[in-house]
Amino acid sequence: MDDVFDPEGFQRRLYCETIRKHEYDSQTGTAFADWQDAAREDLRTVLGHHVIREHPGGARPRRSETVTYDGYERQTWRLRTERGVPVPFYVLVPTDSDPPYPVVFTIHGHNDTGKELVAGTAHTEDQHEAIHEQRRDTAIQAVHRGYAAIAPDMRGFGALADSNSNGGRACTHMQKTAQLYGRSLLGERVWDVLQLVDFAERRSILDASRIGITGHSSGGAVALFAAALDERFGVVAPNAYFCALGDSIVPIDHCVCNHVPGLLRLGELWDIAGLIAPRSIAVATGEHDRIVPVEGTRRAFENLQEIYAAVSSQDRCELYVGCDGHRFYPDGVWPFVRDHL
């Protein structure tokens, strides 16, 4: 009989003993496709998408502003993704080439201004550092490479922050509230991105046959889960996120908006990423990332490679390890996107 509660030991036991319903188990051929279909359906449920469908959006997207910069145009749009949720987003398109443009969704991570950071707008010293040192202006990076970039605010940040958080993190308050209704904040963010893919398909200047997605940190989580659910994403490049949950989300104190209740009963993160196969995925991370340990990323990637090998697509699954910490790694993302999109 246990006399002293050991929280770490208890968590390790849960992790090791939990049966993962959709853990990859060497399926190939038709069985592989069946495994993906079943896992996707349960993933939608765990994320809360069956609940979100009860509150459909229905409004047409509205364009409010267009600003021309050197080499690109930035359009400001808003789309109601569910009742009461108007999601603002930027569309950046090159002005030195002709449409239709291949599209890359650029999903921001934690920051107060949301999409402004990926669009290169900085007002504080910390924001300047995030752009110039951490290279988080990913929409600018995309449009300068000839892609159209779609950059939405994620719920909890920018225009979608919660002003009723009583001094705490808006995303923390929104996550706690979402869980009361069988939802999750990560699931809501993924839902919003999937509605924007529908938007991209209806825009003649955008090449809907060539859509990729990248994101940093919690934005990498959104990118990974969105691509796992929607096969219209041909390339996905999660940055500073992909790691065994047992090495990162479980033992390390991440923001609660990275948590999805019940996720480990479906599978580990490589099982979720395996739903992307045989489409292309590049995992980028840092050797000295303190909250996404590189050892856990390597372990997760080895398991993901096994899944890609089952569909003879090892050449579409790459790992890039930069020499720094928790930042965006352009060299690990853009060459891969260029080659595979």
Protein backbone atom coordinates (compact mmCIF):
# COMPACT_ATOMS: atom_id res chain seq x y z
CA MET A 1 0.00 0.00 0.00
CA ASP A 2 1.33 3.45 -0.93
CA ASP A 3 1.90 5.64 2.14
CA VAL A 4 3.17 8.79 0.40
CA PHE A 5 1.72 10.44 -2.67
CA ASP A 6 4.31 10.71 -5.45
CA PRO A 7 2.87 13.06 -8.10
CA GLU A 8 5.62 12.40 -10.63
CA GLY A 9 5.37 8.66 -10.17
CA PHE A 10 1.60 8.83 -10.49
CA GLN A 11 1.90 10.76 -13.77
CA ARG A 12 4.44 8.27 -15.12
CA ARG A 13 2.11 5.40 -14.27
CA LEU A 14 -0.82 7.09 -16.00
CA TYR A 15 1.30 7.74 -19.07
CA CYS A 16 2.58 4.17 -19.28
CA GLU A 17 -0.67 2.38 -18.44
CA THR A 18 -3.18 4.44 -20.44
CA ILE A 19 -4.48 2.51 -23.44
CA ARG A 20 -4.28 4.70 -26.53
CA LYS A 21 -7.21 3.85 -28.76
CA HIS A 22 -5.56 4.96 -32.00
CA GLU A 23 -1.94 4.14 -31.29
CA TYR A 24 -0.33 3.23 -34.60
CA ASP A 25 0.12 -0.55 -34.80
CA SER A 26 1.90 -1.35 -38.07
CA GLN A 27 -1.17 -0.93 -40.28
CA THR A 28 -0.61 -0.73 -44.04
CA GLY A 29 -2.75 -0.48 -47.15
CA THR A 30 -6.50 -0.28 -46.56
CA ALA A 31 -6.04 -0.81 -42.83
CA PHE A 32 -3.82 2.29 -42.70
CA ALA A 33 -6.50 4.45 -44.33
CA ASP A 34 -9.12 3.01 -41.98
CA TRP A 35 -6.90 3.81 -38.99
CA GLN A 36 -6.53 7.41 -40.15
CA ASP A 37 -10.27 7.85 -40.78
CA ALA A 38 -11.25 6.49 -37.36
CA ALA A 39 -8.60 8.51 -35.55
CA ARG A 40 -9.60 11.73 -37.32
CA GLU A 41 -13.22 11.32 -36.33
CA ASP A 42 -12.37 10.78 -32.67
CA LEU A 43 -9.86 13.65 -32.77
CA ARG A 44 -12.59 16.01 -33.95
CA THR A 45 -14.69 14.91 -31.00
CA VAL A 46 -11.88 15.34 -28.45
CA LEU A 47 -11.18 18.83 -29.83
CA GLY A 48 -14.87 19.68 -29.40
CA HIS A 49 -15.75 20.24 -33.05
CA HIS A 50 -19.04 18.36 -32.69
CA VAL A 51 -20.06 21.01 -30.13
CA ILE A 52 -18.83 23.95 -32.21
CA ARG A 53 -20.96 22.73 -35.15
CA GLU A 54 -24.03 23.53 -33.06
CA HIS A 55 -23.23 27.25 -33.48
CA PRO A 56 -22.55 27.72 -37.23
CA GLY A 57 -21.08 30.96 -38.59
CA GLY A 58 -22.77 31.55 -41.91
CA ALA A 59 -21.70 35.12 -42.67
CA ARG A 60 -19.69 36.05 -45.73
CA PRO A 61 -16.10 37.21 -45.23
CA ARG A 62 -15.66 40.99 -45.23
CA ARG A 63 -12.64 42.89 -46.49
CA SER A 64 -12.07 46.18 -44.69
CA GLU A 65 -8.66 47.48 -45.70
CA THR A 66 -5.84 47.07 -48.20
CA VAL A 67 -2.36 48.48 -47.65
CA THR A 68 0.49 48.27 -50.17
CA TYR A 69 4.05 47.72 -48.99
CA ASP A 70 7.31 47.12 -50.82
CA GLY A 71 6.76 43.88 -52.72
CA TYR A 72 3.41 42.88 -51.25
CA GLU A 73 -0.15 43.91 -50.44
CA ARG A 74 -1.75 43.33 -47.06
CA GLN A 75 -5.51 42.83 -47.01
CA THR A 76 -7.51 42.91 -43.77
CA TRP A 77 -10.44 40.50 -43.59
CA ARG A 78 -12.94 39.22 -41.04
CA LEU A 79 -14.85 35.93 -41.10
CA ARG A 80 -17.45 34.68 -38.63
CA THR A 81 -16.36 31.10 -37.97
CA GLU A 82 -19.18 30.41 -35.51
CA ARG A 83 -21.97 32.53 -34.07
CA GLY A 84 -20.43 35.38 -32.08
CA VAL A 85 -16.85 34.77 -33.24
CA PRO A 86 -15.67 37.17 -35.98
CA VAL A 87 -12.09 36.14 -36.70
CA PRO A 88 -9.85 38.91 -38.10
CA PHE A 89 -7.09 37.82 -40.44
CA TYR A 90 -4.57 39.20 -42.89
CA VAL A 91 -4.02 38.03 -46.43
CA LEU A 92 -0.61 39.04 -47.73
CA VAL A 93 -0.07 38.65 -51.48
CA PRO A 94 3.04 39.38 -53.56
CA THR A 95 2.87 42.32 -55.95
CA ASP A 96 5.86 41.34 -58.07
CA SER A 97 4.38 38.11 -59.49
CA ASP A 98 1.08 37.00 -61.01
CA PRO A 99 -1.71 35.02 -59.32
CA PRO A 100 -2.81 32.43 -58.46
CA TYR A 101 -0.40 32.23 -55.55
CA PRO A 102 0.41 29.12 -53.52
CA VAL A 103 -0.82 29.68 -49.97
CA VAL A 104 0.87 29.28 -46.60
CA PHE A 105 -1.06 29.74 -43.37
CA THR A 106 1.22 31.37 -40.80
CA ILE A 107 -0.06 30.79 -37.27
CA HIS A 108 1.31 32.94 -34.46
CA GLY A 109 2.25 31.66 -31.02
CA HIS A 110 1.78 33.33 -27.64
CA ASN A 111 1.93 37.12 -27.93
CA ASP A 112 -0.42 39.92 -26.98
CA THR A 113 -0.90 41.30 -30.49
CA GLY A 114 -1.75 38.06 -32.27
CA LYS A 115 -1.41 38.23 -36.05
CA GLU A 116 0.38 41.59 -35.89
CA LEU A 117 3.62 39.85 -34.92
CA VAL A 118 3.68 37.42 -37.86
CA ALA A 119 2.82 40.36 -40.14
CA GLY A 120 5.95 42.17 -38.93
CA THR A 121 4.33 44.86 -36.77
CA ALA A 122 6.20 45.68 -33.56
CA HIS A 123 5.54 48.44 -31.01
CA THR A 124 7.61 47.31 -28.03
CA GLU A 125 11.18 46.19 -27.47
CA ASP A 126 10.01 42.63 -26.79
CA GLN A 127 8.08 42.57 -30.06
CA HIS A 128 11.10 43.86 -31.98
CA GLU A 129 13.18 41.09 -30.42
CA ALA A 130 10.55 38.49 -31.32
CA ILE A 131 10.72 39.58 -34.94
CA HIS A 132 14.41 40.24 -35.44
CA GLU A 133 15.96 37.71 -33.05
CA GLN A 134 13.32 34.98 -32.90
CA ARG A 135 12.24 35.44 -36.55
CA ARG A 136 8.54 35.24 -35.77
CA ASP A 137 7.41 37.50 -38.66
CA THR A 138 6.46 34.38 -40.59
CA ALA A 139 3.82 35.97 -42.85
CA ILE A 140 6.43 38.45 -44.10
CA GLN A 141 8.87 35.60 -44.67
CA ALA A 142 6.22 33.75 -46.68
CA VAL A 143 5.16 36.63 -48.92
CA HIS A 144 8.77 37.56 -49.68
CA ARG A 145 9.20 33.99 -50.94
CA GLY A 146 6.31 34.32 -53.37
CA TYR A 147 3.52 32.78 -51.29
CA ALA A 148 0.25 34.31 -50.29
CA ALA A 149 0.16 34.27 -46.49
CA ILE A 150 -3.01 33.90 -44.42
CA ALA A 151 -2.46 35.09 -40.86
CA PRO A 152 -5.43 34.96 -38.45
CA ASP A 153 -5.73 36.02 -34.85
CA MET A 154 -5.91 32.93 -32.63
CA ARG A 155 -8.54 32.99 -29.89
CA GLY A 156 -7.06 34.41 -26.71
CA PHE A 157 -4.78 36.86 -28.53
CA GLY A 158 -5.00 40.09 -30.51
CA ALA A 159 -8.57 41.08 -31.26
CA LEU A 160 -9.78 37.73 -29.91
CA ALA A 161 -8.46 38.17 -26.37
CA ASP A 162 -10.88 37.93 -23.45
CA SER A 163 -11.23 41.21 -21.58
CA ASN A 164 -12.96 39.42 -18.67
CA SER A 165 -9.90 37.45 -17.59
CA ASN A 166 -9.57 39.49 -14.35
CA GLY A 167 -5.89 40.23 -14.82
CA GLY A 168 -4.91 36.66 -15.76
CA ARG A 169 -4.05 35.25 -19.13
CA ALA A 170 -6.95 35.56 -21.53
CA CYS A 171 -6.18 32.16 -23.04
CA THR A 172 -6.26 30.54 -19.57
CA HIS A 173 -9.71 31.90 -18.83
CA MET A 174 -10.99 30.92 -22.29
CA GLN A 175 -9.60 27.39 -21.99
CA LYS A 176 -11.22 26.83 -18.60
CA THR A 177 -14.53 28.10 -19.94
CA ALA A 178 -14.33 26.03 -23.13
CA GLN A 179 -13.82 22.85 -21.13
CA LEU A 180 -17.14 23.41 -19.33
CA TYR A 181 -18.90 22.95 -22.66
CA GLY A 182 -16.95 19.95 -23.94
CA ARG A 183 -14.67 22.13 -26.05
CA SER A 184 -11.01 23.16 -25.90
CA LEU A 185 -9.29 26.39 -26.86
CA LEU A 186 -6.89 24.52 -29.13
CA GLY A 187 -9.88 22.87 -30.80
CA GLU A 188 -11.50 26.28 -31.33
CA ARG A 189 -8.33 27.66 -32.89
CA VAL A 190 -8.08 24.68 -35.22
CA TRP A 191 -11.74 25.10 -36.16
CA ASP A 192 -11.14 28.73 -37.14
CA VAL A 193 -8.22 27.78 -39.38
CA LEU A 194 -10.26 25.11 -41.14
CA GLN A 195 -12.97 27.68 -41.96
CA LEU A 196 -10.27 29.87 -43.49
CA VAL A 197 -9.23 27.03 -45.79
CA ASP A 198 -12.76 27.20 -47.20
CA PHE A 199 -12.19 30.93 -47.69
CA ALA A 200 -8.94 30.27 -49.56
CA GLU A 201 -10.66 27.84 -51.91
CA ARG A 202 -13.12 30.56 -52.96
CA ARG A 203 -10.47 33.19 -53.79
CA SER A 204 -9.41 33.09 -57.43
CA ILE A 205 -6.03 34.73 -56.70
CA LEU A 206 -5.13 31.83 -54.38
CA ASP A 207 -4.04 28.41 -55.64
CA ALA A 208 -6.14 26.07 -53.52
CA SER A 209 -4.28 23.05 -54.88
CA ARG A 210 -1.11 24.25 -53.11
CA ILE A 211 -1.80 25.03 -49.46
CA GLY A 212 0.72 24.73 -46.64
CA ILE A 213 0.73 25.69 -42.98
CA THR A 214 3.37 26.58 -40.43
CA GLY A 215 3.19 27.86 -36.89
CA HIS A 216 5.43 28.61 -33.96
CA SER A 217 5.00 27.04 -30.51
CA SER A 218 1.24 26.98 -29.73
CA GLY A 219 0.80 28.07 -33.36
CA GLY A 220 2.70 24.91 -34.27
CA ALA A 221 0.11 22.94 -32.32
CA VAL A 222 -2.67 24.53 -34.37
CA ALA A 223 -0.78 23.83 -37.60
CA LEU A 224 -0.23 20.17 -36.71
CA PHE A 225 -3.80 19.46 -35.61
CA ALA A 226 -5.34 21.35 -38.54
CA ALA A 227 -3.27 19.38 -41.04
CA ALA A 228 -4.08 16.12 -39.24
CA LEU A 229 -7.79 16.81 -39.79
CA ASP A 230 -7.78 18.44 -43.25
CA GLU A 231 -6.10 16.84 -46.24
CA ARG A 232 -6.16 20.10 -48.18
CA PHE A 233 -2.93 21.02 -46.41
CA GLY A 234 -0.23 19.55 -48.63
CA VAL A 235 2.67 20.66 -46.44
CA VAL A 236 2.83 21.25 -42.69
CA ALA A 237 5.80 22.61 -40.74
CA PRO A 238 5.22 22.81 -36.97
CA ASN A 239 8.01 24.80 -35.32
CA ALA A 240 9.01 24.50 -31.64
CA TYR A 241 6.07 22.26 -30.76
CA PHE A 242 6.29 18.65 -31.98
CA CYS A 243 7.51 16.52 -29.09
CA ALA A 244 6.39 13.44 -27.19
CA LEU A 245 3.61 14.60 -24.87
CA GLY A 246 5.21 12.49 -22.16
CA ASP A 247 8.37 14.60 -22.43
CA SER A 248 6.82 18.05 -22.82
CA ILE A 249 3.16 18.77 -22.15
CA VAL A 250 2.89 16.26 -19.27
CA PRO A 251 5.99 17.08 -17.15
CA ILE A 252 6.62 20.72 -18.15
CA ASP A 253 4.42 23.65 -17.14
CA HIS A 254 2.96 24.84 -20.45
CA CYS A 255 0.07 27.25 -20.81
CA VAL A 256 -3.22 25.39 -20.36
CA CYS A 257 -4.29 26.39 -23.88
CA ASN A 258 -1.90 23.70 -25.17
CA HIS A 259 -3.87 20.98 -23.39
CA VAL A 260 -6.65 18.89 -24.92
CA PRO A 261 -8.62 16.83 -22.38
CA GLY A 262 -8.51 13.13 -23.24
CA LEU A 263 -5.92 13.44 -26.00
CA LEU A 264 -3.57 10.76 -24.66
CA ARG A 265 -6.45 8.28 -24.67
CA LEU A 266 -6.41 8.63 -28.45
CA GLY A 267 -2.67 8.55 -29.09
CA GLU A 268 0.70 10.20 -28.63
CA LEU A 269 1.63 13.21 -30.73
CA TRP A 270 3.29 11.07 -33.40
CA ASP A 271 -0.01 9.22 -33.85
CA ILE A 272 -1.74 12.56 -34.43
CA ALA A 273 0.99 13.63 -36.86
CA GLY A 274 0.67 10.27 -38.58
CA LEU A 275 -2.76 11.36 -39.81
CA ILE A 276 -0.90 13.74 -42.14
CA ALA A 277 0.90 10.89 -43.96
CA PRO A 278 1.69 10.62 -46.84
CA ARG A 279 1.53 14.42 -47.11
CA SER A 280 4.71 16.33 -46.32
CA ILE A 281 5.78 17.34 -42.82
CA ALA A 282 8.87 19.17 -41.57
CA VAL A 283 9.49 19.29 -37.83
CA ALA A 284 11.69 22.21 -36.74
CA THR A 285 12.96 22.67 -33.21
CA GLY A 286 15.87 24.02 -31.19
CA GLU A 287 18.71 22.09 -29.57
CA HIS A 288 18.34 24.24 -26.44
CA ASP A 289 14.55 24.62 -26.27
CA ARG A 290 13.69 24.43 -22.56
CA ILE A 291 9.97 23.75 -22.95
CA VAL A 292 10.10 21.46 -25.99
CA PRO A 293 13.01 19.13 -25.11
CA VAL A 294 14.90 18.01 -28.19
CA GLU A 295 15.21 14.46 -26.82
CA GLY A 296 11.41 14.20 -26.78
CA THR A 297 11.22 15.64 -30.27
CA ARG A 298 13.71 13.08 -31.58
CA ARG A 299 11.78 10.25 -29.91
CA ALA A 300 8.50 11.45 -31.38
CA PHE A 301 10.08 11.90 -34.80
CA GLU A 302 11.48 8.35 -34.82
CA ASN A 303 7.98 7.01 -34.20
CA LEU A 304 6.57 9.31 -36.88
CA GLN A 305 9.16 8.03 -39.37
CA GLU A 306 7.86 4.49 -38.78
CA ILE A 307 4.37 5.63 -39.77
CA TYR A 308 5.65 7.37 -42.90
CA ALA A 309 7.66 4.27 -43.82
CA ALA A 310 4.41 2.29 -43.82
CA VAL A 311 3.21 4.38 -46.77
CA SER A 312 6.65 4.61 -48.43
CA SER A 313 6.89 8.37 -47.81
CA GLN A 314 10.02 8.72 -45.69
CA ASP A 315 11.27 11.45 -48.05
CA ARG A 316 8.28 13.61 -47.05
CA CYS A 317 9.11 13.57 -43.34
CA GLU A 318 12.06 15.63 -42.13
CA LEU A 319 13.52 16.87 -38.85
CA TYR A 320 15.50 20.09 -38.49
CA VAL A 321 17.28 20.90 -35.23
CA GLY A 322 18.57 24.46 -34.91
CA CYS A 323 21.35 25.50 -32.56
CA ASP A 324 19.27 27.90 -30.46
CA GLY A 325 16.25 27.81 -28.14
CA HIS A 326 12.50 28.41 -28.43
CA ARG A 327 12.33 30.45 -31.64
CA PHE A 328 11.28 30.13 -35.27
CA TYR A 329 13.75 28.43 -37.65
CA PRO A 330 13.32 29.68 -41.23
CA ASP A 331 16.03 27.32 -42.52
CA GLY A 332 14.08 24.37 -41.19
CA VAL A 333 10.78 25.45 -42.72
CA TRP A 334 11.04 27.37 -45.98
CA PRO A 335 13.38 25.13 -48.03
CA PHE A 336 11.09 22.20 -47.21
CA VAL A 337 7.96 24.17 -48.14
CA ARG A 338 9.60 25.22 -51.41
CA ASP A 339 10.49 21.63 -52.32
CA HIS A 340 7.18 20.05 -51.34
CA LEU A 341 4.52 22.69 -52.00
